[in-house]
Amino acid sequence: MTTTIRRATLTDLDMLVPLFDAYRRFYGQPGDLPRARGFLQQRLQQAESTVLLAYVDEVPAGFVQLYPSFSSVRTARVWILNDLYVDPAARRRGVARALLETAERFAREGGASGLMLETSRDNAAARALYREAGWHEEATQWYALSFDDAAAEESLFVYGTLQDAQVQRRLFGRTLSGSADALPGYRLDWLELRAPAAVATSGILRHPIIHASSANGDRVAGMRLQLSAVELAHADAYEGDDYRRVRVTLASGAQAWAYAAPSPASA
């Protein structure tokens, strides 16, 4: 296995866009390849970011995107490592570590005083990677003020353990607001074997699961919750490969995400 990393240019867009779109989907955004292409093309054309693209045996495998900034205290350039993503098929091969080392070398050679990044406190795997790569966890806490109200919240229809306030606090650090709703065209079943991490979080061995149904009158009762894109990503990690997230229309007429069986089942 040979890993190579090079700075991306506009000629690399075809290879970079699917990885960037997958990165956005990981954080709860709907897949949108044209939007991903337009965003990256603008950043690269205007020299507003630097993207380092990794290949494993000549196959695109991951990337980091760096945004330039400055430190007034240091009176020097710093780079914000805003995005890091490795394709699932290429993970556990040292690609993420190689991307971090290449980003460090790029920043050093450009005369920057350092690199910065932000990740959630419960992202144990990422935090371990950064520590192993020599990054230091600072005592300061980043804050955010969003001006994009449309993207600030997502709707998620839940019908099982995610309705439980204790599970919500464990996953999101808070109890989510929501309202009763129902999902027509689906039937409820039971998943007998769950991933150990999900069982540990919920304290329940047997979890419900829904399947699309063509039978008249089939519907699933539950709740429509409001949560941020980052929280939706936490929910994705909790449900894991046992479920797939799909877009649905609820009985109320609202659009929402829901976690269903990984592949459609006959009703």
C-alpha atoms as a PDB file:
ATOM      1  CA  MET A   1       0.000   0.000   0.000  1.00  0.00           C
ATOM      2  CA  THR A   2       1.412   3.372  -1.052  1.00  0.00           C
ATOM      3  CA  THR A   3       0.030   6.635   0.335  1.00  0.00           C
ATOM      4  CA  THR A   4       0.809   9.875  -1.487  1.00  0.00           C
ATOM      5  CA  ILE A   5      -0.435  13.369  -0.668  1.00  0.00           C
ATOM      6  CA  ARG A   6      -0.380  16.421  -2.888  1.00  0.00           C
ATOM      7  CA  ARG A   7      -1.891  19.881  -2.905  1.00  0.00           C
ATOM      8  CA  ALA A   8      -5.170  19.890  -4.817  1.00  0.00           C
ATOM      9  CA  THR A   9      -5.810  22.185  -7.764  1.00  0.00           C
ATOM     10  CA  LEU A  10      -8.871  22.794  -9.922  1.00  0.00           C
ATOM     11  CA  THR A  11      -7.890  19.800 -12.056  1.00  0.00           C
ATOM     12  CA  ASP A  12      -8.453  17.565  -9.003  1.00  0.00           C
ATOM     13  CA  LEU A  13     -12.093  18.577  -8.464  1.00  0.00           C
ATOM     14  CA  ASP A  14     -13.547  15.387  -9.963  1.00  0.00           C
ATOM     15  CA  MET A  15     -11.637  13.314  -7.417  1.00  0.00           C
ATOM     16  CA  LEU A  16     -12.065  15.684  -4.487  1.00  0.00           C
ATOM     17  CA  VAL A  17     -15.788  16.474  -4.747  1.00  0.00           C
ATOM     18  CA  PRO A  18     -17.108  12.984  -3.785  1.00  0.00           C
ATOM     19  CA  LEU A  19     -14.890  12.965  -0.686  1.00  0.00           C
ATOM     20  CA  PHE A  20     -16.010  16.461   0.302  1.00  0.00           C
ATOM     21  CA  ASP A  21     -19.653  15.526  -0.218  1.00  0.00           C
ATOM     22  CA  ALA A  22     -19.196  12.429   1.979  1.00  0.00           C
ATOM     23  CA  TYR A  23     -17.572  14.625   4.640  1.00  0.00           C
ATOM     24  CA  ARG A  24     -20.600  16.955   4.647  1.00  0.00           C
ATOM     25  CA  ARG A  25     -22.984  13.984   4.824  1.00  0.00           C
ATOM     26  CA  PHE A  26     -21.074  12.717   7.865  1.00  0.00           C
ATOM     27  CA  TYR A  27     -22.029  15.985   9.570  1.00  0.00           C
ATOM     28  CA  GLY A  28     -25.698  15.587   8.754  1.00  0.00           C
ATOM     29  CA  GLN A  29     -25.967  17.545   5.507  1.00  0.00           C
ATOM     30  CA  PRO A  30     -27.858  16.094   2.538  1.00  0.00           C
ATOM     31  CA  GLY A  31     -25.738  14.843  -0.315  1.00  0.00           C
ATOM     32  CA  ASP A  32     -25.321  17.573  -2.942  1.00  0.00           C
ATOM     33  CA  LEU A  33     -22.459  17.058  -5.391  1.00  0.00           C
ATOM     34  CA  PRO A  34     -23.085  20.270  -7.397  1.00  0.00           C
ATOM     35  CA  ARG A  35     -23.057  22.314  -4.192  1.00  0.00           C
ATOM     36  CA  ALA A  36     -19.859  20.600  -3.043  1.00  0.00           C
ATOM     37  CA  ARG A  37     -18.213  21.279  -6.406  1.00  0.00           C
ATOM     38  CA  GLY A  38     -19.266  24.918  -6.457  1.00  0.00           C
ATOM     39  CA  PHE A  39     -17.974  25.559  -2.950  1.00  0.00           C
ATOM     40  CA  LEU A  40     -14.598  23.904  -3.528  1.00  0.00           C
ATOM     41  CA  GLN A  41     -14.153  25.485  -6.939  1.00  0.00           C
ATOM     42  CA  GLN A  42     -14.697  28.941  -5.472  1.00  0.00           C
ATOM     43  CA  ARG A  43     -12.288  28.329  -2.586  1.00  0.00           C
ATOM     44  CA  LEU A  44      -9.538  27.076  -4.901  1.00  0.00           C
ATOM     45  CA  GLN A  45     -10.069  29.691  -7.622  1.00  0.00           C
ATOM     46  CA  GLN A  46      -9.883  32.531  -5.107  1.00  0.00           C
ATOM     47  CA  ALA A  47      -7.007  30.954  -3.128  1.00  0.00           C
ATOM     48  CA  GLU A  48      -9.185  31.060   0.012  1.00  0.00           C
ATOM     49  CA  SER A  49      -8.200  27.609   1.207  1.00  0.00           C
ATOM     50  CA  THR A  50      -5.556  24.955   0.750  1.00  0.00           C
ATOM     51  CA  VAL A  51      -6.663  21.364   0.198  1.00  0.00           C
ATOM     52  CA  LEU A  52      -4.279  18.441   0.595  1.00  0.00           C
ATOM     53  CA  LEU A  53      -5.541  15.331  -1.182  1.00  0.00           C
ATOM     54  CA  ALA A  54      -4.421  11.825  -0.187  1.00  0.00           C
ATOM     55  CA  TYR A  55      -4.214   8.819  -2.491  1.00  0.00           C
ATOM     56  CA  VAL A  56      -3.820   5.162  -1.537  1.00  0.00           C
ATOM     57  CA  ASP A  57      -2.401   3.209  -4.466  1.00  0.00           C
ATOM     58  CA  GLU A  58      -3.469   6.093  -6.750  1.00  0.00           C
ATOM     59  CA  VAL A  59      -7.085   6.008  -5.485  1.00  0.00           C
ATOM     60  CA  PRO A  60      -8.391   9.226  -3.792  1.00  0.00           C
ATOM     61  CA  ALA A  61      -8.697   8.350  -0.107  1.00  0.00           C
ATOM     62  CA  GLY A  62      -9.030  11.511   1.990  1.00  0.00           C
ATOM     63  CA  PHE A  63      -8.270  15.188   2.368  1.00  0.00           C
ATOM     64  CA  VAL A  64      -7.672  18.076   4.727  1.00  0.00           C
ATOM     65  CA  GLN A  65      -8.806  21.636   4.040  1.00  0.00           C
ATOM     66  CA  LEU A  66      -6.921  24.497   5.659  1.00  0.00           C
ATOM     67  CA  TYR A  67      -8.160  28.072   5.981  1.00  0.00           C
ATOM     68  CA  PRO A  68      -5.692  30.938   6.487  1.00  0.00           C
ATOM     69  CA  SER A  69      -5.984  33.137   9.562  1.00  0.00           C
ATOM     70  CA  PHE A  70      -3.831  35.295  11.824  1.00  0.00           C
ATOM     71  CA  SER A  71      -3.032  35.466  15.510  1.00  0.00           C
ATOM     72  CA  SER A  72      -2.947  38.995  16.912  1.00  0.00           C
ATOM     73  CA  VAL A  73      -1.224  37.788  20.070  1.00  0.00           C
ATOM     74  CA  ARG A  74       1.520  36.019  18.120  1.00  0.00           C
ATOM     75  CA  THR A  75       1.447  38.644  15.323  1.00  0.00           C
ATOM     76  CA  ALA A  76       1.786  35.787  12.877  1.00  0.00           C
ATOM     77  CA  ARG A  77      -0.069  33.640  10.350  1.00  0.00           C
ATOM     78  CA  VAL A  78      -1.896  30.553  11.607  1.00  0.00           C
ATOM     79  CA  TRP A  79      -3.845  27.944   9.652  1.00  0.00           C
ATOM     80  CA  ILE A  80      -7.210  26.531  10.706  1.00  0.00           C
ATOM     81  CA  LEU A  81      -7.468  22.847   9.928  1.00  0.00           C
ATOM     82  CA  ASN A  82     -11.188  22.980   9.293  1.00  0.00           C
ATOM     83  CA  ASP A  83     -11.871  19.681   7.497  1.00  0.00           C
ATOM     84  CA  LEU A  84     -10.314  16.222   7.785  1.00  0.00           C
ATOM     85  CA  TYR A  85     -11.891  13.201   6.134  1.00  0.00           C
ATOM     86  CA  VAL A  86     -10.757   9.701   5.155  1.00  0.00           C
ATOM     87  CA  ASP A  87     -12.881   7.374   3.057  1.00  0.00           C
ATOM     88  CA  PRO A  88     -14.088   4.393   5.159  1.00  0.00           C
ATOM     89  CA  ALA A  89     -12.358   1.936   2.798  1.00  0.00           C
ATOM     90  CA  ALA A  90      -9.001   3.612   3.498  1.00  0.00           C
ATOM     91  CA  ARG A  91      -9.232   3.977   7.269  1.00  0.00           C
ATOM     92  CA  ARG A  92      -6.858   2.338   9.754  1.00  0.00           C
ATOM     93  CA  ARG A  93      -4.037   2.642   7.228  1.00  0.00           C
ATOM     94  CA  GLY A  94      -2.379   5.767   8.577  1.00  0.00           C
ATOM     95  CA  VAL A  95      -3.969   8.110   6.035  1.00  0.00           C
ATOM     96  CA  ALA A  96      -5.333  10.565   8.603  1.00  0.00           C
ATOM     97  CA  ARG A  97      -1.969  10.725  10.393  1.00  0.00           C
ATOM     98  CA  ALA A  98      -0.183  11.287   7.081  1.00  0.00           C
ATOM     99  CA  LEU A  99      -2.580  14.128   6.217  1.00  0.00           C
ATOM    100  CA  LEU A 100      -1.938  15.777   9.594  1.00  0.00           C
ATOM    101  CA  GLU A 101       1.828  15.518   9.136  1.00  0.00           C
ATOM    102  CA  THR A 102       1.620  16.953   5.625  1.00  0.00           C
ATOM    103  CA  ALA A 103      -0.542  19.829   6.869  1.00  0.00           C
ATOM    104  CA  GLU A 104       2.018  20.544   9.592  1.00  0.00           C
ATOM    105  CA  ARG A 105       4.870  20.537   7.086  1.00  0.00           C
ATOM    106  CA  PHE A 106       2.946  22.847   4.747  1.00  0.00           C
ATOM    107  CA  ALA A 107       2.262  25.344   7.544  1.00  0.00           C
ATOM    108  CA  ARG A 108       5.843  25.265   8.846  1.00  0.00           C
ATOM    109  CA  GLU A 109       7.376  25.759   5.426  1.00  0.00           C
ATOM    110  CA  GLY A 110       5.058  28.729   4.838  1.00  0.00           C
ATOM    111  CA  GLY A 111       6.285  30.460   8.010  1.00  0.00           C
ATOM    112  CA  ALA A 112       3.076  30.035  10.033  1.00  0.00           C
ATOM    113  CA  SER A 113       3.271  29.976  13.817  1.00  0.00           C
ATOM    114  CA  GLY A 114       0.944  26.999  14.155  1.00  0.00           C
ATOM    115  CA  LEU A 115      -2.199  25.098  13.262  1.00  0.00           C
ATOM    116  CA  MET A 116      -5.591  25.141  14.992  1.00  0.00           C
ATOM    117  CA  LEU A 117      -8.606  22.851  14.861  1.00  0.00           C
ATOM    118  CA  GLU A 118     -11.842  22.169  16.712  1.00  0.00           C
ATOM    119  CA  THR A 119     -13.529  18.849  17.453  1.00  0.00           C
ATOM    120  CA  SER A 120     -16.265  17.732  19.833  1.00  0.00           C
ATOM    121  CA  ARG A 121     -15.268  16.530  23.287  1.00  0.00           C
ATOM    122  CA  ASP A 122     -16.915  13.136  22.776  1.00  0.00           C
ATOM    123  CA  ASN A 123     -15.004  12.404  19.551  1.00  0.00           C
ATOM    124  CA  ALA A 124     -12.578  10.088  21.319  1.00  0.00           C
ATOM    125  CA  ALA A 125     -11.015   8.629  18.166  1.00  0.00           C
ATOM    126  CA  ALA A 126     -10.212  12.046  16.671  1.00  0.00           C
ATOM    127  CA  ARG A 127      -8.856  13.392  19.960  1.00  0.00           C
ATOM    128  CA  ALA A 128      -6.584  10.367  20.330  1.00  0.00           C
ATOM    129  CA  LEU A 129      -5.318  10.862  16.769  1.00  0.00           C
ATOM    130  CA  TYR A 130      -4.490  14.520  17.374  1.00  0.00           C
ATOM    131  CA  ARG A 131      -2.692  13.794  20.647  1.00  0.00           C
ATOM    132  CA  GLU A 132      -0.627  11.037  19.001  1.00  0.00           C
ATOM    133  CA  ALA A 133       0.309  13.485  16.256  1.00  0.00           C
ATOM    134  CA  GLY A 134       1.645  15.948  18.831  1.00  0.00           C
ATOM    135  CA  TRP A 135      -1.313  18.312  19.071  1.00  0.00           C
ATOM    136  CA  HIS A 136      -2.125  19.817  22.475  1.00  0.00           C
ATOM    137  CA  GLU A 137      -5.608  20.195  23.901  1.00  0.00           C
ATOM    138  CA  GLU A 138      -6.045  23.791  24.983  1.00  0.00           C
ATOM    139  CA  ALA A 139      -8.046  24.923  28.004  1.00  0.00           C
ATOM    140  CA  THR A 140      -9.976  27.476  25.955  1.00  0.00           C
ATOM    141  CA  GLN A 141     -13.404  26.721  24.486  1.00  0.00           C
ATOM    142  CA  TRP A 142     -14.573  27.876  21.067  1.00  0.00           C
ATOM    143  CA  TYR A 143     -17.986  29.495  20.761  1.00  0.00           C
ATOM    144  CA  ALA A 144     -20.144  29.951  17.666  1.00  0.00           C
ATOM    145  CA  LEU A 145     -22.790  32.406  16.519  1.00  0.00           C
ATOM    146  CA  SER A 146     -24.644  31.211  13.405  1.00  0.00           C
ATOM    147  CA  PHE A 147     -26.347  33.593  10.979  1.00  0.00           C
ATOM    148  CA  ASP A 148     -27.869  30.812   8.883  1.00  0.00           C
ATOM    149  CA  ASP A 149     -31.177  30.039  10.576  1.00  0.00           C
ATOM    150  CA  ALA A 150     -32.248  27.654   7.829  1.00  0.00           C
ATOM    151  CA  ALA A 151     -29.239  25.442   8.430  1.00  0.00           C
ATOM    152  CA  ALA A 152     -29.169  25.845  12.197  1.00  0.00           C
ATOM    153  CA  GLU A 153     -31.567  22.976  12.936  1.00  0.00           C
ATOM    154  CA  GLU A 154     -32.557  19.631  11.471  1.00  0.00           C
ATOM    155  CA  SER A 155     -35.774  17.664  12.021  1.00  0.00           C
ATOM    156  CA  LEU A 156     -35.455  14.034  13.070  1.00  0.00           C
ATOM    157  CA  PHE A 157     -38.359  11.612  13.520  1.00  0.00           C
ATOM    158  CA  VAL A 158     -37.645   9.166  16.351  1.00  0.00           C
ATOM    159  CA  TYR A 159     -39.676   6.196  17.501  1.00  0.00           C
ATOM    160  CA  GLY A 160     -37.348   4.278  19.822  1.00  0.00           C
ATOM    161  CA  THR A 161     -34.543   4.962  22.289  1.00  0.00           C
ATOM    162  CA  LEU A 162     -33.850   8.452  20.944  1.00  0.00           C
ATOM    163  CA  GLN A 163     -37.152   9.534  22.494  1.00  0.00           C
ATOM    164  CA  ASP A 164     -35.671   8.854  25.928  1.00  0.00           C
ATOM    165  CA  ALA A 165     -34.442  11.986  27.707  1.00  0.00           C
ATOM    166  CA  GLN A 166     -31.597  10.119  29.392  1.00  0.00           C
ATOM    167  CA  VAL A 167     -30.307   8.795  26.062  1.00  0.00           C
ATOM    168  CA  GLN A 168     -30.535  12.314  24.610  1.00  0.00           C
ATOM    169  CA  ARG A 169     -28.486  13.752  27.463  1.00  0.00           C
ATOM    170  CA  ARG A 170     -25.832  11.076  27.004  1.00  0.00           C
ATOM    171  CA  LEU A 171     -25.601  11.686  23.259  1.00  0.00           C
ATOM    172  CA  PHE A 172     -26.163  15.423  22.970  1.00  0.00           C
ATOM    173  CA  GLY A 173     -25.551  16.798  26.456  1.00  0.00           C
ATOM    174  CA  ARG A 174     -29.101  18.141  26.604  1.00  0.00           C
ATOM    175  CA  THR A 175     -32.769  17.184  26.255  1.00  0.00           C
ATOM    176  CA  LEU A 176     -34.103  17.971  22.783  1.00  0.00           C
ATOM    177  CA  SER A 177     -37.337  19.819  22.058  1.00  0.00           C
ATOM    178  CA  GLY A 178     -39.926  18.024  19.960  1.00  0.00           C
ATOM    179  CA  SER A 179     -43.552  17.237  19.250  1.00  0.00           C
ATOM    180  CA  ALA A 180     -45.620  14.072  18.761  1.00  0.00           C
ATOM    181  CA  ASP A 181     -45.943  12.949  15.143  1.00  0.00           C
ATOM    182  CA  ALA A 182     -46.279   9.781  13.066  1.00  0.00           C
ATOM    183  CA  LEU A 183     -44.720   8.256   9.964  1.00  0.00           C
ATOM    184  CA  PRO A 184     -47.150   6.788   7.397  1.00  0.00           C
ATOM    185  CA  GLY A 185     -46.038   4.030   5.035  1.00  0.00           C
ATOM    186  CA  TYR A 186     -43.747   2.275   7.487  1.00  0.00           C
ATOM    187  CA  ARG A 187     -44.155  -0.653   9.879  1.00  0.00           C
ATOM    188  CA  LEU A 188     -42.399  -1.288  13.171  1.00  0.00           C
ATOM    189  CA  ASP A 189     -40.186  -4.318  13.775  1.00  0.00           C
ATOM    190  CA  TRP A 190     -37.483  -5.268  16.270  1.00  0.00           C
ATOM    191  CA  LEU A 191     -33.732  -5.447  15.934  1.00  0.00           C
ATOM    192  CA  GLU A 192     -32.577  -8.283  18.161  1.00  0.00           C
ATOM    193  CA  LEU A 193     -28.826  -7.654  17.913  1.00  0.00           C
ATOM    194  CA  ARG A 194     -27.453  -4.128  18.374  1.00  0.00           C
ATOM    195  CA  ALA A 195     -23.950  -2.718  18.289  1.00  0.00           C
ATOM    196  CA  PRO A 196     -22.414  -2.865  21.807  1.00  0.00           C
ATOM    197  CA  ALA A 197     -21.823   0.907  21.939  1.00  0.00           C
ATOM    198  CA  ALA A 198     -25.513   1.607  21.286  1.00  0.00           C
ATOM    199  CA  VAL A 199     -26.556  -0.903  23.936  1.00  0.00           C
ATOM    200  CA  ALA A 200     -24.169   0.730  26.422  1.00  0.00           C
ATOM    201  CA  THR A 201     -25.598   4.188  25.706  1.00  0.00           C
ATOM    202  CA  SER A 202     -29.273   3.187  25.841  1.00  0.00           C
ATOM    203  CA  GLY A 203     -29.091   0.399  28.413  1.00  0.00           C
ATOM    204  CA  ILE A 204     -31.512  -1.593  26.214  1.00  0.00           C
ATOM    205  CA  LEU A 205     -30.729  -4.794  24.316  1.00  0.00           C
ATOM    206  CA  ARG A 206     -33.727  -4.953  21.961  1.00  0.00           C
ATOM    207  CA  HIS A 207     -34.256  -1.883  19.785  1.00  0.00           C
ATOM    208  CA  PRO A 208     -37.108  -1.056  17.387  1.00  0.00           C
ATOM    209  CA  ILE A 209     -36.519  -0.599  13.661  1.00  0.00           C
ATOM    210  CA  ILE A 210     -38.816   0.479  10.818  1.00  0.00           C
ATOM    211  CA  HIS A 211     -39.315  -0.906   7.313  1.00  0.00           C
ATOM    212  CA  ALA A 212     -41.039   0.751   4.361  1.00  0.00           C
ATOM    213  CA  SER A 213     -44.492  -0.758   3.835  1.00  0.00           C
ATOM    214  CA  SER A 214     -47.114  -0.665   1.090  1.00  0.00           C
ATOM    215  CA  ALA A 215     -49.901  -1.969   3.348  1.00  0.00           C
ATOM    216  CA  ASN A 216     -52.791   0.433   3.848  1.00  0.00           C
ATOM    217  CA  GLY A 217     -52.874   1.988   7.299  1.00  0.00           C
ATOM    218  CA  ASP A 218     -49.300   1.157   8.292  1.00  0.00           C
ATOM    219  CA  ARG A 219     -47.790   3.986  10.304  1.00  0.00           C
ATOM    220  CA  VAL A 220     -45.320   4.396  13.150  1.00  0.00           C
ATOM    221  CA  ALA A 221     -45.929   6.703  16.111  1.00  0.00           C
ATOM    222  CA  GLY A 222     -43.105   8.772  17.487  1.00  0.00           C
ATOM    223  CA  MET A 223     -41.735  12.293  17.910  1.00  0.00           C
ATOM    224  CA  ARG A 224     -40.255  14.937  15.650  1.00  0.00           C
ATOM    225  CA  LEU A 225     -37.163  16.398  17.306  1.00  0.00           C
ATOM    226  CA  GLN A 226     -35.224  19.548  16.472  1.00  0.00           C
ATOM    227  CA  LEU A 227     -31.426  19.275  16.655  1.00  0.00           C
ATOM    228  CA  SER A 228     -28.291  20.772  15.163  1.00  0.00           C
ATOM    229  CA  ALA A 229     -26.308  19.263  12.292  1.00  0.00           C
ATOM    230  CA  VAL A 230     -23.541  18.310  14.730  1.00  0.00           C
ATOM    231  CA  GLU A 231     -26.066  16.581  16.990  1.00  0.00           C
ATOM    232  CA  LEU A 232     -27.479  14.762  13.981  1.00  0.00           C
ATOM    233  CA  ALA A 233     -23.981  13.466  13.283  1.00  0.00           C
ATOM    234  CA  HIS A 234     -23.863  12.153  16.863  1.00  0.00           C
ATOM    235  CA  ALA A 235     -27.173  10.384  16.239  1.00  0.00           C
ATOM    236  CA  ASP A 236     -25.717   8.872  13.046  1.00  0.00           C
ATOM    237  CA  ALA A 237     -22.801   7.485  15.019  1.00  0.00           C
ATOM    238  CA  TYR A 238     -25.170   6.086  17.675  1.00  0.00           C
ATOM    239  CA  GLU A 239     -27.351   4.283  15.120  1.00  0.00           C
ATOM    240  CA  GLY A 240     -24.291   3.112  13.168  1.00  0.00           C
ATOM    241  CA  ASP A 241     -24.578   0.459  10.481  1.00  0.00           C
ATOM    242  CA  ASP A 242     -27.715  -1.020  12.075  1.00  0.00           C
ATOM    243  CA  TYR A 243     -29.807   1.717  10.451  1.00  0.00           C
ATOM    244  CA  ARG A 244     -29.761   4.050   7.460  1.00  0.00           C
ATOM    245  CA  ARG A 245     -30.911   7.657   7.623  1.00  0.00           C
ATOM    246  CA  VAL A 246     -33.665   8.469   5.100  1.00  0.00           C
ATOM    247  CA  ARG A 247     -35.740  11.536   4.259  1.00  0.00           C
ATOM    248  CA  VAL A 248     -39.447  11.084   5.053  1.00  0.00           C
ATOM    249  CA  THR A 249     -42.724  13.000   5.091  1.00  0.00           C
ATOM    250  CA  LEU A 250     -44.573  12.792   8.399  1.00  0.00           C
ATOM    251  CA  ALA A 251     -48.313  12.688   9.091  1.00  0.00           C
ATOM    252  CA  SER A 252     -48.132  16.383   9.988  1.00  0.00           C
ATOM    253  CA  GLY A 253     -46.747  17.130   6.521  1.00  0.00           C
ATOM    254  CA  ALA A 254     -43.319  18.055   7.904  1.00  0.00           C
ATOM    255  CA  GLN A 255     -40.140  16.794   6.258  1.00  0.00           C
ATOM    256  CA  ALA A 256     -37.683  15.016   8.530  1.00  0.00           C
ATOM    257  CA  TRP A 257     -34.907  12.463   8.736  1.00  0.00           C
ATOM    258  CA  ALA A 258     -35.632   8.999  10.135  1.00  0.00           C
ATOM    259  CA  TYR A 259     -33.548   5.896  10.832  1.00  0.00           C
ATOM    260  CA  ALA A 260     -34.833   2.846   8.953  1.00  0.00           C
ATOM    261  CA  ALA A 261     -33.665  -0.663   8.108  1.00  0.00           C
ATOM    262  CA  PRO A 262     -30.390  -0.647   6.082  1.00  0.00           C
ATOM    263  CA  SER A 263     -32.096  -2.003   2.961  1.00  0.00           C
ATOM    264  CA  PRO A 264     -35.744  -1.896   1.880  1.00  0.00           C
ATOM    265  CA  ALA A 265     -37.748  -4.902   3.000  1.00  0.00           C
ATOM    266  CA  SER A 266     -40.866  -6.267   1.361  1.00  0.00           C
ATOM    267  CA  ALA A 267     -44.009  -5.271   3.224  1.00  0.00           C
END
